Amino acid sequence: MSLDLQQQKPNVNVSSHKLRDN
């Protein structure tokens, strides 16, 4: 479960970065 949460955290960060890059 801890891994799932950690994987979701970076995912959200990447989404934010992608939006800013665009």
N, C-alpha and C. Protein backbone atom coordinates (compact mmCIF):
# COMPACT_ATOMS: atom_id res chain seq x y z
N MET A 1 0.84 -1.21 0.00
CA MET A 1 0.00 0.00 0.00
C MET A 1 0.87 1.26 0.00
N SER A 2 1.96 1.18 0.74
CA SER A 2 2.88 2.34 0.81
C SER A 2 3.44 2.64 -0.58
N LEU A 3 3.72 1.58 -1.30
CA LEU A 3 4.29 1.75 -2.65
C LEU A 3 3.28 2.41 -3.57
N ASP A 4 2.04 2.02 -3.43
CA ASP A 4 0.98 2.59 -4.27
C ASP A 4 0.88 4.10 -4.03
N LEU A 5 0.96 4.48 -2.79
CA LEU A 5 0.84 5.90 -2.45
C LEU A 5 2.04 6.67 -2.99
N GLN A 6 3.20 6.07 -2.87
CA GLN A 6 4.42 6.74 -3.35
C GLN A 6 4.41 6.86 -4.87
N GLN A 7 3.80 5.89 -5.51
CA GLN A 7 3.77 5.92 -6.99
C GLN A 7 2.78 6.97 -7.47
N GLN A 8 1.75 7.19 -6.68
CA GLN A 8 0.73 8.18 -7.08
C GLN A 8 1.26 9.60 -6.86
N LYS A 9 2.10 9.76 -5.87
CA LYS A 9 2.65 11.10 -5.57
C LYS A 9 3.45 11.64 -6.77
N PRO A 10 4.39 10.88 -7.26
CA PRO A 10 5.19 11.32 -8.41
C PRO A 10 4.33 11.50 -9.66
N ASN A 11 3.30 10.69 -9.75
CA ASN A 11 2.42 10.78 -10.91
C ASN A 11 1.77 12.16 -10.96
N VAL A 12 1.31 12.61 -9.83
CA VAL A 12 0.65 13.93 -9.77
C VAL A 12 1.66 15.03 -10.06
N ASN A 13 2.86 14.84 -9.57
CA ASN A 13 3.92 15.83 -9.80
C ASN A 13 4.25 15.91 -11.29
N VAL A 14 4.31 14.78 -11.91
CA VAL A 14 4.62 14.73 -13.34
C VAL A 14 3.51 15.42 -14.14
N SER A 15 2.29 15.19 -13.72
CA SER A 15 1.14 15.81 -14.42
C SER A 15 1.25 17.34 -14.33
N SER A 16 1.60 17.82 -13.18
CA SER A 16 1.72 19.27 -12.97
C SER A 16 2.85 19.82 -13.83
N HIS A 17 3.94 19.09 -13.87
CA HIS A 17 5.09 19.54 -14.67
C HIS A 17 4.75 19.55 -16.15
N LYS A 18 4.02 18.54 -16.56
CA LYS A 18 3.65 18.44 -17.98
C LYS A 18 2.73 19.61 -18.35
N LEU A 19 1.86 19.94 -17.47
CA LEU A 19 0.92 21.04 -17.73
C LEU A 19 1.70 22.35 -17.84
N ARG A 20 2.67 22.52 -16.99
CA ARG A 20 3.47 23.76 -16.99
C ARG A 20 4.34 23.80 -18.25
N ASP A 21 4.84 22.66 -18.63
CA ASP A 21 5.68 22.59 -19.83
C ASP A 21 4.87 22.96 -21.07
N ASN A 22 3.65 22.52 -21.07
CA ASN A 22 2.78 22.80 -22.21
C ASN A 22 2.45 24.29 -22.18
